[in-house]
Full PDB file with SEQRES, HELIX, SHEET, SSBOND, CRYST1, ORIGX, SCALE, CONECT and MASTER records, all heavy atoms in Angstrom:
SEQRES   1 A   38  LEU VAL GLU ALA ALA GLN GLU ALA THR THR HIS ALA HIS          
SEQRES   2 A   38  ALA PRO TYR SER HIS PHE GLN VAL GLY ALA ALA ALA ARG          
SEQRES   3 A   38  LEU ARG SER GLY ARG ILE LEU HIS GLY SER ASN PHE              
HELIX    1 AA1 VAL A    2  ALA A    8  1                                   7    
HELIX    2 AA2 THR A    9  HIS A   11  5                                   3    
SHEET    1 AA1 2 GLY A  22  ARG A  26  0                                        
SHEET    2 AA1 2 ILE A  32  SER A  36 -1                                        
CRYST1    1.000    1.000    1.000  90.00  90.00  90.00 P 1           1          
ORIGX1      1.000000  0.000000  0.000000        0.00000                         
ORIGX2      0.000000  1.000000  0.000000        0.00000                         
ORIGX3      0.000000  0.000000  1.000000        0.00000                         
SCALE1      1.000000  0.000000  0.000000        0.00000                         
SCALE2      0.000000  1.000000  0.000000        0.00000                         
SCALE3      0.000000  0.000000  1.000000        0.00000                         
ATOM      1  N   LEU A   1       0.834  -1.201  -0.004  1.00  0.00           N  
ATOM      2  CA  LEU A   1       0.007   0.005  -0.002  1.00  0.00           C  
ATOM      3  C   LEU A   1       0.874   1.252  -0.002  1.00  0.00           C  
ATOM      4  O   LEU A   1       0.559   2.236  -0.696  1.00  0.00           O  
ATOM      5  CB  LEU A   1      -0.949  -0.004   1.213  1.00  0.00           C  
ATOM      6  CG  LEU A   1      -2.158   0.898   1.098  1.00  0.00           C  
ATOM      7  CD1 LEU A   1      -3.033   0.539  -0.092  1.00  0.00           C  
ATOM      8  CD2 LEU A   1      -2.973   0.870   2.401  1.00  0.00           C  
ATOM      9  N   VAL A   2       1.975   1.253   0.750  1.00  0.00           N  
ATOM     10  CA  VAL A   2       2.900   2.380   0.754  1.00  0.00           C  
ATOM     11  C   VAL A   2       3.506   2.537  -0.639  1.00  0.00           C  
ATOM     12  O   VAL A   2       3.624   3.647  -1.148  1.00  0.00           O  
ATOM     13  CB  VAL A   2       3.990   2.209   1.836  1.00  0.00           C  
ATOM     14  CG1 VAL A   2       5.121   3.200   1.613  1.00  0.00           C  
ATOM     15  CG2 VAL A   2       3.411   2.359   3.216  1.00  0.00           C  
ATOM     16  N   GLU A   3       3.849   1.428  -1.273  1.00  0.00           N  
ATOM     17  CA  GLU A   3       4.382   1.510  -2.649  1.00  0.00           C  
ATOM     18  C   GLU A   3       3.372   2.100  -3.608  1.00  0.00           C  
ATOM     19  O   GLU A   3       3.725   2.877  -4.499  1.00  0.00           O  
ATOM     20  CB  GLU A   3       4.841   0.110  -3.109  1.00  0.00           C  
ATOM     21  CG  GLU A   3       6.094  -0.369  -2.393  1.00  0.00           C  
ATOM     22  CD  GLU A   3       6.409  -1.831  -2.643  1.00  0.00           C  
ATOM     23  OE1 GLU A   3       5.653  -2.500  -3.406  1.00  0.00           O  
ATOM     24  OE2 GLU A   3       7.411  -2.325  -2.079  1.00  0.00           O  
ATOM     25  N   ALA A   4       2.102   1.768  -3.429  1.00  0.00           N  
ATOM     26  CA  ALA A   4       1.048   2.336  -4.263  1.00  0.00           C  
ATOM     27  C   ALA A   4       0.922   3.837  -4.022  1.00  0.00           C  
ATOM     28  O   ALA A   4       0.728   4.612  -4.961  1.00  0.00           O  
ATOM     29  CB  ALA A   4      -0.298   1.630  -3.985  1.00  0.00           C  
ATOM     30  N   ALA A   5       1.062   4.256  -2.762  1.00  0.00           N  
ATOM     31  CA  ALA A   5       1.027   5.699  -2.449  1.00  0.00           C  
ATOM     32  C   ALA A   5       2.228   6.406  -3.048  1.00  0.00           C  
ATOM     33  O   ALA A   5       2.118   7.515  -3.579  1.00  0.00           O  
ATOM     34  CB  ALA A   5       0.986   5.911  -0.933  1.00  0.00           C  
ATOM     35  N   GLN A   6       3.393   5.771  -2.989  1.00  0.00           N  
ATOM     36  CA  GLN A   6       4.573   6.353  -3.619  1.00  0.00           C  
ATOM     37  C   GLN A   6       4.390   6.504  -5.118  1.00  0.00           C  
ATOM     38  O   GLN A   6       4.766   7.528  -5.701  1.00  0.00           O  
ATOM     39  CB  GLN A   6       5.825   5.494  -3.298  1.00  0.00           C  
ATOM     40  CG  GLN A   6       6.235   5.547  -1.843  1.00  0.00           C  
ATOM     41  CD  GLN A   6       7.290   4.503  -1.506  1.00  0.00           C  
ATOM     42  OE1 GLN A   6       7.435   3.486  -2.140  1.00  0.00           O  
ATOM     43  NE2 GLN A   6       8.044   4.804  -0.423  1.00  0.00           N  
ATOM     44  N   GLU A   7       3.824   5.491  -5.753  1.00  0.00           N  
ATOM     45  CA  GLU A   7       3.545   5.562  -7.191  1.00  0.00           C  
ATOM     46  C   GLU A   7       2.566   6.684  -7.502  1.00  0.00           C  
ATOM     47  O   GLU A   7       2.694   7.368  -8.520  1.00  0.00           O  
ATOM     48  CB  GLU A   7       3.004   4.221  -7.675  1.00  0.00           C  
ATOM     49  CG  GLU A   7       2.520   4.206  -9.113  1.00  0.00           C  
ATOM     50  CD  GLU A   7       3.630   4.462 -10.133  1.00  0.00           C  
ATOM     51  OE1 GLU A   7       4.807   4.186  -9.857  1.00  0.00           O  
ATOM     52  OE2 GLU A   7       3.273   4.944 -11.262  1.00  0.00           O  
ATOM     53  N   ALA A   8       1.603   6.899  -6.631  1.00  0.00           N  
ATOM     54  CA  ALA A   8       0.601   7.956  -6.835  1.00  0.00           C  
ATOM     55  C   ALA A   8       1.232   9.343  -6.808  1.00  0.00           C  
ATOM     56  O   ALA A   8       0.687  10.270  -7.425  1.00  0.00           O  
ATOM     57  CB  ALA A   8      -0.504   7.854  -5.774  1.00  0.00           C  
ATOM     58  N   THR A   9       2.403   9.507  -6.166  1.00  0.00           N  
ATOM     59  CA  THR A   9       3.047  10.818  -6.166  1.00  0.00           C  
ATOM     60  C   THR A   9       3.419  11.245  -7.595  1.00  0.00           C  
ATOM     61  O   THR A   9       3.520  12.439  -7.867  1.00  0.00           O  
ATOM     62  CB  THR A   9       4.316  10.857  -5.286  1.00  0.00           C  
ATOM     63  OG1 THR A   9       5.338  10.027  -5.851  1.00  0.00           O  
ATOM     64  CG2 THR A   9       4.011  10.455  -3.854  1.00  0.00           C  
ATOM     65  N   THR A  10       3.629  10.306  -8.485  1.00  0.00           N  
ATOM     66  CA  THR A  10       4.034  10.619  -9.857  1.00  0.00           C  
ATOM     67  C   THR A  10       2.895  11.276 -10.630  1.00  0.00           C  
ATOM     68  O   THR A  10       3.118  11.840 -11.704  1.00  0.00           O  
ATOM     69  CB  THR A  10       4.537   9.380 -10.619  1.00  0.00           C  
ATOM     70  OG1 THR A  10       3.456   8.449 -10.788  1.00  0.00           O  
ATOM     71  CG2 THR A  10       5.702   8.716  -9.885  1.00  0.00           C  
ATOM     72  N   HIS A  11       1.653  11.185 -10.108  1.00  0.00           N  
ATOM     73  CA  HIS A  11       0.496  11.761 -10.785  1.00  0.00           C  
ATOM     74  C   HIS A  11       0.111  13.103 -10.155  1.00  0.00           C  
ATOM     75  O   HIS A  11      -0.880  13.716 -10.567  1.00  0.00           O  
ATOM     76  CB  HIS A  11      -0.677  10.807 -10.725  1.00  0.00           C  
ATOM     77  CG  HIS A  11      -0.395   9.478 -11.357  1.00  0.00           C  
ATOM     78  ND1 HIS A  11      -0.204   9.323 -12.715  1.00  0.00           N  
ATOM     79  CD2 HIS A  11      -0.183   8.277 -10.810  1.00  0.00           C  
ATOM     80  CE1 HIS A  11       0.066   8.064 -12.980  1.00  0.00           C  
ATOM     81  NE2 HIS A  11       0.091   7.411 -11.843  1.00  0.00           N  
ATOM     82  N   ALA A  12       0.856  13.548  -9.163  1.00  0.00           N  
ATOM     83  CA  ALA A  12       0.560  14.808  -8.494  1.00  0.00           C  
ATOM     84  C   ALA A  12       0.801  15.988  -9.439  1.00  0.00           C  
ATOM     85  O   ALA A  12       1.697  15.936 -10.305  1.00  0.00           O  
ATOM     86  CB  ALA A  12       1.408  14.963  -7.245  1.00  0.00           C  
ATOM     87  N   HIS A  13       0.042  17.027  -9.242  1.00  0.00           N  
ATOM     88  CA  HIS A  13       0.239  18.281  -9.981  1.00  0.00           C  
ATOM     89  C   HIS A  13       0.627  19.342  -8.936  1.00  0.00           C  
ATOM     90  O   HIS A  13      -0.225  19.902  -8.254  1.00  0.00           O  
ATOM     91  CB  HIS A  13      -1.059  18.672 -10.699  1.00  0.00           C  
ATOM     92  CG  HIS A  13      -0.949  19.951 -11.453  1.00  0.00           C  
ATOM     93  ND1 HIS A  13      -0.186  20.092 -12.605  1.00  0.00           N  
ATOM     94  CD2 HIS A  13      -1.500  21.161 -11.221  1.00  0.00           C  
ATOM     95  CE1 HIS A  13      -0.279  21.318 -13.051  1.00  0.00           C  
ATOM     96  NE2 HIS A  13      -1.070  22.010 -12.237  1.00  0.00           N  
ATOM     97  N   ALA A  14       1.923  19.543  -8.765  1.00  0.00           N  
ATOM     98  CA  ALA A  14       2.431  20.432  -7.722  1.00  0.00           C  
ATOM     99  C   ALA A  14       3.445  21.417  -8.302  1.00  0.00           C  
ATOM    100  O   ALA A  14       4.609  21.452  -7.850  1.00  0.00           O  
ATOM    101  CB  ALA A  14       3.031  19.606  -6.572  1.00  0.00           C  
ATOM    102  N   PRO A  15       3.043  22.264  -9.271  1.00  0.00           N  
ATOM    103  CA  PRO A  15       4.001  23.156  -9.899  1.00  0.00           C  
ATOM    104  C   PRO A  15       4.475  24.295  -9.019  1.00  0.00           C  
ATOM    105  O   PRO A  15       5.454  24.964  -9.332  1.00  0.00           O  
ATOM    106  CB  PRO A  15       3.227  23.680 -11.102  1.00  0.00           C  
ATOM    107  CG  PRO A  15       1.799  23.623 -10.702  1.00  0.00           C  
ATOM    108  CD  PRO A  15       1.713  22.372  -9.827  1.00  0.00           C  
ATOM    109  N   TYR A  16       3.787  24.551  -7.889  1.00  0.00           N  
ATOM    110  CA  TYR A  16       4.130  25.664  -7.034  1.00  0.00           C  
ATOM    111  C   TYR A  16       4.957  25.221  -5.833  1.00  0.00           C  
ATOM    112  O   TYR A  16       6.031  25.780  -5.550  1.00  0.00           O  
ATOM    113  CB  TYR A  16       2.856  26.411  -6.606  1.00  0.00           C  
ATOM    114  CG  TYR A  16       2.012  26.733  -7.788  1.00  0.00           C  
ATOM    115  CD1 TYR A  16       0.828  26.051  -8.056  1.00  0.00           C  
ATOM    116  CD2 TYR A  16       2.427  27.665  -8.738  1.00  0.00           C  
ATOM    117  CE1 TYR A  16       0.084  26.309  -9.193  1.00  0.00           C  
ATOM    118  CE2 TYR A  16       1.690  27.921  -9.900  1.00  0.00           C  
ATOM    119  CZ  TYR A  16       0.520  27.231 -10.116  1.00  0.00           C  
ATOM    120  OH  TYR A  16      -0.210  27.465 -11.243  1.00  0.00           O  
ATOM    121  N   SER A  17       4.502  24.221  -5.112  1.00  0.00           N  
ATOM    122  CA  SER A  17       5.235  23.743  -3.943  1.00  0.00           C  
ATOM    123  C   SER A  17       6.312  22.751  -4.290  1.00  0.00           C  
ATOM    124  O   SER A  17       7.249  22.556  -3.530  1.00  0.00           O  
ATOM    125  CB  SER A  17       4.260  23.116  -2.932  1.00  0.00           C  
ATOM    126  OG  SER A  17       3.797  21.853  -3.459  1.00  0.00           O  
ATOM    127  N   HIS A  18       6.155  22.069  -5.422  1.00  0.00           N  
ATOM    128  CA  HIS A  18       7.065  20.991  -5.828  1.00  0.00           C  
ATOM    129  C   HIS A  18       7.106  19.880  -4.781  1.00  0.00           C  
ATOM    130  O   HIS A  18       8.092  19.184  -4.629  1.00  0.00           O  
ATOM    131  CB  HIS A  18       8.479  21.514  -6.126  1.00  0.00           C  
ATOM    132  CG  HIS A  18       8.478  22.620  -7.130  1.00  0.00           C  
ATOM    133  ND1 HIS A  18       8.219  22.402  -8.471  1.00  0.00           N  
ATOM    134  CD2 HIS A  18       8.640  23.942  -6.989  1.00  0.00           C  
ATOM    135  CE1 HIS A  18       8.269  23.578  -9.110  1.00  0.00           C  
ATOM    136  NE2 HIS A  18       8.518  24.523  -8.233  1.00  0.00           N  
ATOM    137  N   PHE A  19       5.992  19.736  -4.049  1.00  0.00           N  
ATOM    138  CA  PHE A  19       5.864  18.718  -3.023  1.00  0.00           C  
ATOM    139  C   PHE A  19       4.728  17.793  -3.457  1.00  0.00           C  
ATOM    140  O   PHE A  19       3.539  18.119  -3.290  1.00  0.00           O  
ATOM    141  CB  PHE A  19       5.564  19.361  -1.659  1.00  0.00           C  
ATOM    142  CG  PHE A  19       5.626  18.401  -0.493  1.00  0.00           C  
ATOM    143  CD1 PHE A  19       6.859  17.850  -0.093  1.00  0.00           C  
ATOM    144  CD2 PHE A  19       4.474  18.050   0.182  1.00  0.00           C  
ATOM    145  CE1 PHE A  19       6.925  16.968   0.985  1.00  0.00           C  
ATOM    146  CE2 PHE A  19       4.530  17.162   1.256  1.00  0.00           C  
ATOM    147  CZ  PHE A  19       5.756  16.641   1.662  1.00  0.00           C  
ATOM    148  N   GLN A  20       5.089  16.698  -4.046  1.00  0.00           N  
ATOM    149  CA  GLN A  20       4.129  15.740  -4.591  1.00  0.00           C  
ATOM    150  C   GLN A  20       3.722  14.755  -3.516  1.00  0.00           C  
ATOM    151  O   GLN A  20       4.581  14.123  -2.919  1.00  0.00           O  
ATOM    152  CB  GLN A  20       4.721  15.019  -5.779  1.00  0.00           C  
ATOM    153  CG  GLN A  20       5.120  15.968  -6.902  1.00  0.00           C  
ATOM    154  CD  GLN A  20       5.997  15.297  -7.930  1.00  0.00           C  
ATOM    155  OE1 GLN A  20       7.018  14.703  -7.579  1.00  0.00           O  
ATOM    156  NE2 GLN A  20       5.602  15.385  -9.178  1.00  0.00           N  
ATOM    157  N   VAL A  21       2.432  14.616  -3.297  1.00  0.00           N  
ATOM    158  CA  VAL A  21       1.902  13.702  -2.285  1.00  0.00           C  
ATOM    159  C   VAL A  21       0.992  12.694  -2.983  1.00  0.00           C  
ATOM    160  O   VAL A  21       0.235  13.033  -3.847  1.00  0.00           O  
ATOM    161  CB  VAL A  21       1.133  14.477  -1.181  1.00  0.00           C  
ATOM    162  CG1 VAL A  21       0.592  13.498  -0.131  1.00  0.00           C  
ATOM    163  CG2 VAL A  21       2.041  15.507  -0.525  1.00  0.00           C  
ATOM    164  N   GLY A  22       1.143  11.452  -2.531  1.00  0.00           N  
ATOM    165  CA  GLY A  22       0.288  10.373  -3.019  1.00  0.00           C  
ATOM    166  C   GLY A  22      -0.354   9.674  -1.873  1.00  0.00           C  
ATOM    167  O   GLY A  22       0.170   9.604  -0.769  1.00  0.00           O  
ATOM    168  N   ALA A  23      -1.549   9.147  -2.116  1.00  0.00           N  
ATOM    169  CA  ALA A  23      -2.260   8.358  -1.111  1.00  0.00           C  
ATOM    170  C   ALA A  23      -2.832   7.122  -1.776  1.00  0.00           C  
ATOM    171  O   ALA A  23      -3.166   7.137  -2.956  1.00  0.00           O  
ATOM    172  CB  ALA A  23      -3.386   9.202  -0.493  1.00  0.00           C  
ATOM    173  N   ALA A  24      -2.904   6.070  -1.009  1.00  0.00           N  
ATOM    174  CA  ALA A  24      -3.509   4.819  -1.489  1.00  0.00           C  
ATOM    175  C   ALA A  24      -4.362   4.246  -0.362  1.00  0.00           C  
ATOM    176  O   ALA A  24      -3.945   4.296   0.801  1.00  0.00           O  
ATOM    177  CB  ALA A  24      -2.442   3.834  -1.920  1.00  0.00           C  
ATOM    178  N   ALA A  25      -5.516   3.725  -0.690  1.00  0.00           N  
ATOM    179  CA  ALA A  25      -6.424   3.151   0.308  1.00  0.00           C  
ATOM    180  C   ALA A  25      -6.777   1.737  -0.078  1.00  0.00           C  
ATOM    181  O   ALA A  25      -7.061   1.460  -1.241  1.00  0.00           O  
ATOM    182  CB  ALA A  25      -7.677   4.005   0.436  1.00  0.00           C  
ATOM    183  N   ARG A  26      -6.803   0.884   0.941  1.00  0.00           N  
ATOM    184  CA  ARG A  26      -7.295  -0.477   0.740  1.00  0.00           C  
ATOM    185  C   ARG A  26      -8.703  -0.542   1.330  1.00  0.00           C  
ATOM    186  O   ARG A  26      -8.909  -0.260   2.501  1.00  0.00           O  
ATOM    187  CB  ARG A  26      -6.412  -1.517   1.402  1.00  0.00           C  
ATOM    188  CG  ARG A  26      -6.965  -2.941   1.221  1.00  0.00           C  
ATOM    189  CD  ARG A  26      -6.123  -4.028   1.856  1.00  0.00           C  
ATOM    190  NE  ARG A  26      -4.754  -4.006   1.363  1.00  0.00           N  
ATOM    191  CZ  ARG A  26      -3.709  -3.455   1.998  1.00  0.00           C  
ATOM    192  NH1 ARG A  26      -3.877  -2.921   3.195  1.00  0.00           N  
ATOM    193  NH2 ARG A  26      -2.507  -3.492   1.469  1.00  0.00           N  
ATOM    194  N   LEU A  27      -9.648  -0.913   0.466  1.00  0.00           N  
ATOM    195  CA  LEU A  27     -11.034  -1.055   0.897  1.00  0.00           C  
ATOM    196  C   LEU A  27     -11.249  -2.457   1.472  1.00  0.00           C  
ATOM    197  O   LEU A  27     -10.455  -3.367   1.230  1.00  0.00           O  
ATOM    198  CB  LEU A  27     -11.984  -0.806  -0.275  1.00  0.00           C  
ATOM    199  CG  LEU A  27     -11.785   0.504  -1.051  1.00  0.00           C  
ATOM    200  CD1 LEU A  27     -12.851   0.636  -2.134  1.00  0.00           C  
ATOM    201  CD2 LEU A  27     -11.784   1.715  -0.144  1.00  0.00           C  
ATOM    202  N   ARG A  28     -12.321  -2.624   2.185  1.00  0.00           N  
ATOM    203  CA  ARG A  28     -12.648  -3.933   2.790  1.00  0.00           C  
ATOM    204  C   ARG A  28     -12.675  -5.031   1.707  1.00  0.00           C  
ATOM    205  O   ARG A  28     -12.271  -6.166   1.969  1.00  0.00           O  
ATOM    206  CB  ARG A  28     -13.951  -3.868   3.536  1.00  0.00           C  
ATOM    207  CG  ARG A  28     -14.271  -5.212   4.242  1.00  0.00           C  
ATOM    208  CD  ARG A  28     -15.490  -5.093   5.132  1.00  0.00           C  
ATOM    209  NE  ARG A  28     -15.191  -4.215   6.246  1.00  0.00           N  
ATOM    210  CZ  ARG A  28     -16.090  -3.560   6.962  1.00  0.00           C  
ATOM    211  NH1 ARG A  28     -17.370  -3.656   6.621  1.00  0.00           N  
ATOM    212  NH2 ARG A  28     -15.736  -2.805   7.959  1.00  0.00           N  
ATOM    213  N   SER A  29     -13.116  -4.710   0.510  1.00  0.00           N  
ATOM    214  CA  SER A  29     -13.184  -5.679  -0.582  1.00  0.00           C  
ATOM    215  C   SER A  29     -11.810  -6.081  -1.100  1.00  0.00           C  
ATOM    216  O   SER A  29     -11.703  -7.006  -1.885  1.00  0.00           O  
ATOM    217  CB  SER A  29     -14.000  -5.092  -1.744  1.00  0.00           C  
ATOM    218  OG  SER A  29     -13.310  -3.999  -2.316  1.00  0.00           O  
ATOM    219  N   GLY A  30     -10.776  -5.329  -0.695  1.00  0.00           N  
ATOM    220  CA  GLY A  30      -9.427  -5.586  -1.213  1.00  0.00           C  
ATOM    221  C   GLY A  30      -9.057  -4.617  -2.323  1.00  0.00           C  
ATOM    222  O   GLY A  30      -7.879  -4.546  -2.705  1.00  0.00           O  
ATOM    223  N   ARG A  31     -10.004  -3.889  -2.862  1.00  0.00           N  
ATOM    224  CA  ARG A  31      -9.729  -2.924  -3.931  1.00  0.00           C  
ATOM    225  C   ARG A  31      -8.771  -1.849  -3.403  1.00  0.00           C  
ATOM    226  O   ARG A  31      -8.896  -1.416  -2.270  1.00  0.00           O  
ATOM    227  CB  ARG A  31     -11.030  -2.282  -4.408  1.00  0.00           C  
ATOM    228  CG  ARG A  31     -10.852  -1.263  -5.512  1.00  0.00           C  
ATOM    229  CD  ARG A  31     -12.141  -0.564  -5.867  1.00  0.00           C  
ATOM    230  NE  ARG A  31     -13.235  -1.452  -6.141  1.00  0.00           N  
ATOM    231  CZ  ARG A  31     -13.547  -1.871  -7.377  1.00  0.00           C  
ATOM    232  NH1 ARG A  31     -12.863  -1.458  -8.420  1.00  0.00           N  
ATOM    233  NH2 ARG A  31     -14.582  -2.688  -7.550  1.00  0.00           N  
ATOM    234  N   ILE A  32      -7.821  -1.425  -4.250  1.00  0.00           N  
ATOM    235  CA  ILE A  32      -6.888  -0.351  -3.914  1.00  0.00           C  
ATOM    236  C   ILE A  32      -7.229   0.866  -4.751  1.00  0.00           C  
ATOM    237  O   ILE A  32      -7.341   0.776  -5.977  1.00  0.00           O  
ATOM    238  CB  ILE A  32      -5.430  -0.777  -4.203  1.00  0.00           C  
ATOM    239  CG1 ILE A  32      -5.042  -2.063  -3.495  1.00  0.00           C  
ATOM    240  CG2 ILE A  32      -4.471   0.370  -3.840  1.00  0.00           C  
ATOM    241  CD1 ILE A  32      -4.985  -1.973  -2.010  1.00  0.00           C  
ATOM    242  N   LEU A  33      -7.406   2.014  -4.095  1.00  0.00           N  
ATOM    243  CA  LEU A  33      -7.685   3.278  -4.759  1.00  0.00           C  
ATOM    244  C   LEU A  33      -6.473   4.186  -4.552  1.00  0.00           C  
ATOM    245  O   LEU A  33      -5.753   4.072  -3.572  1.00  0.00           O  
ATOM    246  CB  LEU A  33      -8.911   3.941  -4.180  1.00  0.00           C  
ATOM    247  CG  LEU A  33     -10.231   3.139  -4.211  1.00  0.00           C  
ATOM    248  CD1 LEU A  33     -11.350   3.948  -3.553  1.00  0.00           C  
ATOM    249  CD2 LEU A  33     -10.588   2.744  -5.626  1.00  0.00           C  
ATOM    250  N   HIS A  34      -6.282   5.147  -5.490  1.00  0.00           N  
ATOM    251  CA  HIS A  34      -5.138   6.060  -5.448  1.00  0.00           C  
ATOM    252  C   HIS A  34      -5.622   7.499  -5.551  1.00  0.00           C  
ATOM    253  O   HIS A  34      -6.653   7.769  -6.155  1.00  0.00           O  
ATOM    254  CB  HIS A  34      -4.211   5.786  -6.643  1.00  0.00           C  
ATOM    255  CG  HIS A  34      -3.795   4.372  -6.760  1.00  0.00           C  
ATOM    256  ND1 HIS A  34      -4.532   3.468  -7.464  1.00  0.00           N  
ATOM    257  CD2 HIS A  34      -2.755   3.708  -6.264  1.00  0.00           C  
ATOM    258  CE1 HIS A  34      -3.947   2.279  -7.404  1.00  0.00           C  
ATOM    259  NE2 HIS A  34      -2.862   2.409  -6.661  1.00  0.00           N  
ATOM    260  N   GLY A  35      -4.816   8.406  -5.003  1.00  0.00           N  
ATOM    261  CA  GLY A  35      -5.082   9.824  -5.114  1.00  0.00           C  
ATOM    262  C   GLY A  35      -3.779  10.578  -5.027  1.00  0.00           C  
ATOM    263  O   GLY A  35      -2.794  10.074  -4.516  1.00  0.00           O  
ATOM    264  N   SER A  36      -3.784  11.796  -5.554  1.00  0.00           N  
ATOM    265  CA  SER A  36      -2.590  12.639  -5.469  1.00  0.00           C  
ATOM    266  C   SER A  36      -3.024  14.092  -5.297  1.00  0.00           C  
ATOM    267  O   SER A  36      -4.163  14.423  -5.567  1.00  0.00           O  
ATOM    268  CB  SER A  36      -1.717  12.482  -6.726  1.00  0.00           C  
ATOM    269  OG  SER A  36      -2.456  12.749  -7.877  1.00  0.00           O  
ATOM    270  N   ASN A  37      -2.088  14.925  -4.852  1.00  0.00           N  
ATOM    271  CA  ASN A  37      -2.437  16.325  -4.656  1.00  0.00           C  
ATOM    272  C   ASN A  37      -2.491  17.065  -5.981  1.00  0.00           C  
ATOM    273  O   ASN A  37      -1.873  16.645  -6.976  1.00  0.00           O  
ATOM    274  CB  ASN A  37      -1.482  17.021  -3.660  1.00  0.00           C  
ATOM    275  CG  ASN A  37      -0.044  17.031  -4.083  1.00  0.00           C  
ATOM    276  OD1 ASN A  37       0.487  16.106  -4.686  1.00  0.00           O  
ATOM    277  ND2 ASN A  37       0.651  18.113  -3.764  1.00  0.00           N  
ATOM    278  N   PHE A  38      -3.253  18.138  -5.968  1.00  0.00           N  
ATOM    279  CA  PHE A  38      -3.436  18.965  -7.158  1.00  0.00           C  
ATOM    280  C   PHE A  38      -3.450  20.414  -6.744  1.00  0.00           C  
ATOM    281  O   PHE A  38      -4.319  20.849  -5.962  1.00  0.00           O  
ATOM    282  CB  PHE A  38      -4.757  18.614  -7.861  1.00  0.00           C  
ATOM    283  CG  PHE A  38      -4.903  19.293  -9.189  1.00  0.00           C  
ATOM    284  CD1 PHE A  38      -4.515  18.639 -10.356  1.00  0.00           C  
ATOM    285  CD2 PHE A  38      -5.390  20.586  -9.274  1.00  0.00           C  
ATOM    286  CE1 PHE A  38      -4.660  19.280 -11.590  1.00  0.00           C  
ATOM    287  CE2 PHE A  38      -5.519  21.226 -10.499  1.00  0.00           C  
ATOM    288  CZ  PHE A  38      -5.159  20.572 -11.654  1.00  0.00           C  
TER     289      PHE A  38                                                      
MASTER        0    0    0    2    2    0    0    6  288    1    0    3          
END                                                                             
């Protein structure tokens, strides 16, 4: 899950702070979702 969050940082849009953040969540079903900052 941490690796998925790290991968999600590559999709961040952070042209001002240059601080890319990624998040990944494991749902009860086992599905993994991703998000990044914008």
